[in-house]
């Protein structure tokens, strides 16, 4: 099994992100954990790629078409179930 970079253990037994692992390892204080979290969030945000205008238009069009198709499917299903219920329970 492959390990993620944050879980990789070096020669000294410490993880790559600086957090020790094991029974005798002491949990870092709250401020160190918050700082680590903020550093990890910033690192992830640096990986975000903003789509170009044409990609944004394409993605928006795909989502809108999908929503219309799902709405049509649900409408037909609702009308069918309503018709069937009317046929069953009509006087």
C-alpha atoms as a PDB file:
ATOM      1  CA  UNK A   1       0.000   0.000   0.000  1.00  0.00           C
ATOM      2  CA  UNK A   2       1.221   3.461  -0.746  1.00  0.00           C
ATOM      3  CA  UNK A   3       1.286   6.106   1.926  1.00  0.00           C
ATOM      4  CA  UNK A   4       0.285   9.687   1.451  1.00  0.00           C
ATOM      5  CA  UNK A   5       3.100  12.224   1.868  1.00  0.00           C
ATOM      6  CA  UNK A   6       1.692  13.397   5.199  1.00  0.00           C
ATOM      7  CA  UNK A   7       1.794   9.835   6.556  1.00  0.00           C
ATOM      8  CA  UNK A   8       5.271   8.960   5.307  1.00  0.00           C
ATOM      9  CA  UNK A   9       7.591   8.179   8.208  1.00  0.00           C
ATOM     10  CA  UNK A  10      11.229   9.217   8.063  1.00  0.00           C
ATOM     11  CA  UNK A  11      14.303   7.643   9.667  1.00  0.00           C
ATOM     12  CA  UNK A  12      13.645   9.302  13.042  1.00  0.00           C
ATOM     13  CA  UNK A  13      10.046   8.068  13.178  1.00  0.00           C
ATOM     14  CA  UNK A  14       8.460  11.482  12.619  1.00  0.00           C
ATOM     15  CA  UNK A  15       5.922  12.072   9.896  1.00  0.00           C
ATOM     16  CA  UNK A  16       6.754  14.331   6.980  1.00  0.00           C
ATOM     17  CA  UNK A  17       4.453  17.074   8.300  1.00  0.00           C
ATOM     18  CA  UNK A  18       6.349  17.200  11.591  1.00  0.00           C
ATOM     19  CA  UNK A  19       3.722  15.477  13.740  1.00  0.00           C
ATOM     20  CA  UNK A  20       5.017  12.507  15.742  1.00  0.00           C
ATOM     21  CA  UNK A  21       3.068   9.285  15.720  1.00  0.00           C
ATOM     22  CA  UNK A  22       2.986   6.553  18.333  1.00  0.00           C
ATOM     23  CA  UNK A  23       2.089   5.938  21.964  1.00  0.00           C
ATOM     24  CA  UNK A  24       4.848   8.095  23.415  1.00  0.00           C
ATOM     25  CA  UNK A  25       4.297  10.927  20.931  1.00  0.00           C
ATOM     26  CA  UNK A  26       2.931  14.094  22.511  1.00  0.00           C
ATOM     27  CA  UNK A  27       0.050  15.839  20.766  1.00  0.00           C
ATOM     28  CA  UNK A  28       1.003  19.364  19.663  1.00  0.00           C
ATOM     29  CA  UNK A  29      -0.759  22.195  21.463  1.00  0.00           C
ATOM     30  CA  UNK A  30      -3.871  23.819  20.019  1.00  0.00           C
ATOM     31  CA  UNK A  31      -1.994  26.746  18.465  1.00  0.00           C
ATOM     32  CA  UNK A  32       0.441  24.447  16.655  1.00  0.00           C
ATOM     33  CA  UNK A  33      -2.467  22.395  15.320  1.00  0.00           C
ATOM     34  CA  UNK A  34      -4.276  25.538  14.137  1.00  0.00           C
ATOM     35  CA  UNK A  35      -1.102  26.804  12.462  1.00  0.00           C
ATOM     36  CA  UNK A  36      -0.623  23.434  10.740  1.00  0.00           C
ATOM     37  CA  UNK A  37      -4.235  23.491   9.565  1.00  0.00           C
ATOM     38  CA  UNK A  38      -3.866  27.020   8.148  1.00  0.00           C
ATOM     39  CA  UNK A  39      -0.626  26.061   6.343  1.00  0.00           C
ATOM     40  CA  UNK A  40      -2.349  23.017   4.838  1.00  0.00           C
ATOM     41  CA  UNK A  41      -5.349  25.098   3.731  1.00  0.00           C
ATOM     42  CA  UNK A  42      -3.074  27.643   2.044  1.00  0.00           C
ATOM     43  CA  UNK A  43      -1.142  24.845   0.321  1.00  0.00           C
ATOM     44  CA  UNK A  44      -4.396  23.353  -1.009  1.00  0.00           C
ATOM     45  CA  UNK A  45      -5.677  26.741  -2.168  1.00  0.00           C
ATOM     46  CA  UNK A  46      -2.490  27.236  -4.184  1.00  0.00           C
ATOM     47  CA  UNK A  47      -3.469  24.133  -6.190  1.00  0.00           C
ATOM     48  CA  UNK A  48      -6.806  25.631  -7.265  1.00  0.00           C
ATOM     49  CA  UNK A  49      -6.997  26.521 -10.956  1.00  0.00           C
ATOM     50  CA  UNK A  50      -9.470  29.169 -12.087  1.00  0.00           C
ATOM     51  CA  UNK A  51     -11.318  28.105 -15.256  1.00  0.00           C
ATOM     52  CA  UNK A  52     -11.093  30.228 -18.378  1.00  0.00           C
ATOM     53  CA  UNK A  53     -14.142  32.093 -19.639  1.00  0.00           C
ATOM     54  CA  UNK A  54     -14.895  29.476 -22.308  1.00  0.00           C
ATOM     55  CA  UNK A  55     -14.544  26.626 -19.783  1.00  0.00           C
ATOM     56  CA  UNK A  56     -16.854  28.455 -17.378  1.00  0.00           C
ATOM     57  CA  UNK A  57     -19.481  28.922 -20.097  1.00  0.00           C
ATOM     58  CA  UNK A  58     -19.179  25.254 -21.079  1.00  0.00           C
ATOM     59  CA  UNK A  59     -19.504  24.029 -17.479  1.00  0.00           C
ATOM     60  CA  UNK A  60     -22.479  26.305 -16.851  1.00  0.00           C
ATOM     61  CA  UNK A  61     -24.224  25.108 -20.016  1.00  0.00           C
ATOM     62  CA  UNK A  62     -23.663  21.465 -19.093  1.00  0.00           C
ATOM     63  CA  UNK A  63     -25.075  22.000 -15.595  1.00  0.00           C
ATOM     64  CA  UNK A  64     -28.138  23.868 -16.869  1.00  0.00           C
ATOM     65  CA  UNK A  65     -28.886  21.207 -19.517  1.00  0.00           C
ATOM     66  CA  UNK A  66     -28.516  18.467 -16.902  1.00  0.00           C
ATOM     67  CA  UNK A  67     -30.878  20.278 -14.530  1.00  0.00           C
ATOM     68  CA  UNK A  68     -33.486  20.685 -17.297  1.00  0.00           C
ATOM     69  CA  UNK A  69     -33.228  16.986 -18.173  1.00  0.00           C
ATOM     70  CA  UNK A  70     -33.641  15.940 -14.534  1.00  0.00           C
ATOM     71  CA  UNK A  71     -36.583  18.343 -14.131  1.00  0.00           C
ATOM     72  CA  UNK A  72     -38.271  16.834 -17.200  1.00  0.00           C
ATOM     73  CA  UNK A  73     -37.698  13.311 -15.878  1.00  0.00           C
ATOM     74  CA  UNK A  74     -39.115  14.153 -12.446  1.00  0.00           C
ATOM     75  CA  UNK A  75     -42.094  15.936 -14.043  1.00  0.00           C
ATOM     76  CA  UNK A  76     -42.943  12.927 -16.226  1.00  0.00           C
ATOM     77  CA  UNK A  77     -42.516  10.594 -13.251  1.00  0.00           C
ATOM     78  CA  UNK A  78     -44.751  12.803 -11.089  1.00  0.00           C
ATOM     79  CA  UNK A  79     -47.446  13.009 -13.757  1.00  0.00           C
ATOM     80  CA  UNK A  80     -47.309   9.242 -14.253  1.00  0.00           C
ATOM     81  CA  UNK A  81     -47.624   8.491 -10.554  1.00  0.00           C
ATOM     82  CA  UNK A  82     -50.410  11.072 -10.238  1.00  0.00           C
ATOM     83  CA  UNK A  83     -52.304   9.539 -13.173  1.00  0.00           C
ATOM     84  CA  UNK A  84     -51.866   6.035 -11.710  1.00  0.00           C
ATOM     85  CA  UNK A  85     -53.079   7.191  -8.286  1.00  0.00           C
ATOM     86  CA  UNK A  86     -56.073   8.857  -9.890  1.00  0.00           C
ATOM     87  CA  UNK A  87     -56.924   5.669 -11.800  1.00  0.00           C
ATOM     88  CA  UNK A  88     -56.656   3.567  -8.632  1.00  0.00           C
ATOM     89  CA  UNK A  89     -58.550   5.837  -6.241  1.00  0.00           C
ATOM     90  CA  UNK A  90     -61.058   7.521  -8.609  1.00  0.00           C
ATOM     91  CA  UNK A  91     -64.731   6.933  -7.968  1.00  0.00           C
END
